[in-house]
Protein backbone atom coordinates (compact mmCIF):
# COMPACT_ATOMS: atom_id res chain seq x y z
CA MET A 1 1.84 0.22 -16.09
CA GLY A 2 -1.43 -1.38 -17.24
CA HIS A 3 -4.69 0.30 -18.53
CA PHE A 4 -6.66 0.02 -15.32
CA GLY A 5 -6.30 3.76 -14.41
CA GLU A 6 -6.90 5.12 -17.91
CA ASP A 7 -9.73 2.84 -18.61
CA LEU A 8 -11.43 4.04 -15.09
CA ARG A 9 -10.83 7.75 -16.23
CA LYS A 10 -12.25 7.06 -19.71
CA GLU A 11 -15.17 5.72 -18.24
CA ARG A 12 -15.74 8.68 -15.95
CA MET A 13 -15.25 11.09 -18.69
CA SER A 14 -17.61 9.36 -20.98
CA ARG A 15 -20.20 9.60 -18.32
CA GLY A 16 -19.39 13.45 -17.91
CA ILE A 17 -18.85 12.90 -14.12
CA ALA A 18 -16.22 15.21 -12.50
CA LEU A 19 -14.08 13.97 -9.73
CA GLU A 20 -15.77 16.56 -7.29
CA GLN A 21 -18.93 14.84 -7.90
CA ILE A 22 -17.38 11.30 -6.90
CA THR A 23 -15.66 12.94 -3.68
CA ALA A 24 -19.14 14.68 -2.99
CA GLU A 25 -21.07 11.33 -3.11
CA THR A 26 -18.41 8.86 -1.48
CA LYS A 27 -16.29 11.24 0.74
CA ILE A 28 -13.15 9.74 -0.94
CA SER A 29 -10.43 12.33 -1.32
CA GLN A 30 -9.82 13.84 -4.85
CA ARG A 31 -5.97 12.81 -4.22
CA HIS A 32 -6.96 9.38 -3.79
CA LEU A 33 -9.27 9.34 -6.98
CA MET A 34 -6.55 10.95 -8.86
CA ALA A 35 -3.95 8.29 -7.57
CA LEU A 36 -6.14 5.79 -8.68
CA GLU A 37 -6.63 6.97 -12.27
CA GLN A 38 -2.95 7.79 -12.54
CA GLU A 39 -2.15 4.16 -11.25
CA LYS A 40 -0.09 5.63 -8.39
CA PHE A 41 -1.12 3.04 -5.91
CA ARG A 42 1.55 3.44 -3.62
CA LEU A 43 -0.08 6.72 -2.60
CA LEU A 44 -3.23 5.00 -1.82
CA PRO A 45 -3.94 3.56 1.82
CA GLY A 46 -3.10 -0.23 2.18
CA GLY A 47 -5.33 -3.34 2.01
CA ILE A 48 -9.08 -3.18 2.44
CA LEU A 49 -8.99 0.65 2.26
CA SER A 50 -7.76 0.70 -1.28
CA LYS A 51 -10.32 -1.71 -2.35
CA GLY A 52 -13.02 0.33 -0.73
CA ILE A 53 -11.96 3.37 -2.70
CA VAL A 54 -12.20 1.35 -6.17
CA ARG A 55 -15.43 -0.11 -5.18
CA GLY A 56 -16.80 3.70 -4.11
CA TYR A 57 -15.33 4.98 -7.31
CA ALA A 58 -16.80 2.30 -9.53
CA GLY A 59 -20.36 2.59 -7.86
CA ALA A 60 -20.27 6.42 -8.02
CA ILE A 61 -19.97 6.16 -11.70
CA GLY A 62 -22.28 3.26 -12.40
CA LEU A 63 -19.55 0.65 -13.00
CA ASP A 64 -19.63 -2.95 -11.70
CA GLN A 65 -17.80 -2.92 -8.43
CA GLN A 66 -16.80 -6.46 -8.23
CA ASP A 67 -15.31 -6.48 -11.63
CA TRP A 68 -13.38 -3.28 -11.18
CA THR A 69 -12.06 -4.62 -7.75
CA LYS A 70 -10.74 -7.49 -9.48
CA ARG A 71 -9.08 -5.61 -12.21
CA PHE A 72 -7.47 -3.22 -9.71
CA LEU A 73 -6.02 -6.16 -7.95
CA GLU A 74 -4.73 -7.67 -11.14
CA ALA A 75 -3.14 -4.35 -11.90
């Protein structure tokens, strides 16, 4: 397991943003957000939907969407 999920969680926590806030802004379920942070990628929908979840999460907390999507694909 890499550090993608843990790094993402740390970025969110350092900004003081709750998963509920991301869900409210993006309409992405907390189940999927938690799967992303825990690197349980098999629980995410496949293909482009997973990338959309990463982009939505990253954008909601002020991270570079393209960079984090690339990191996700490498993880």
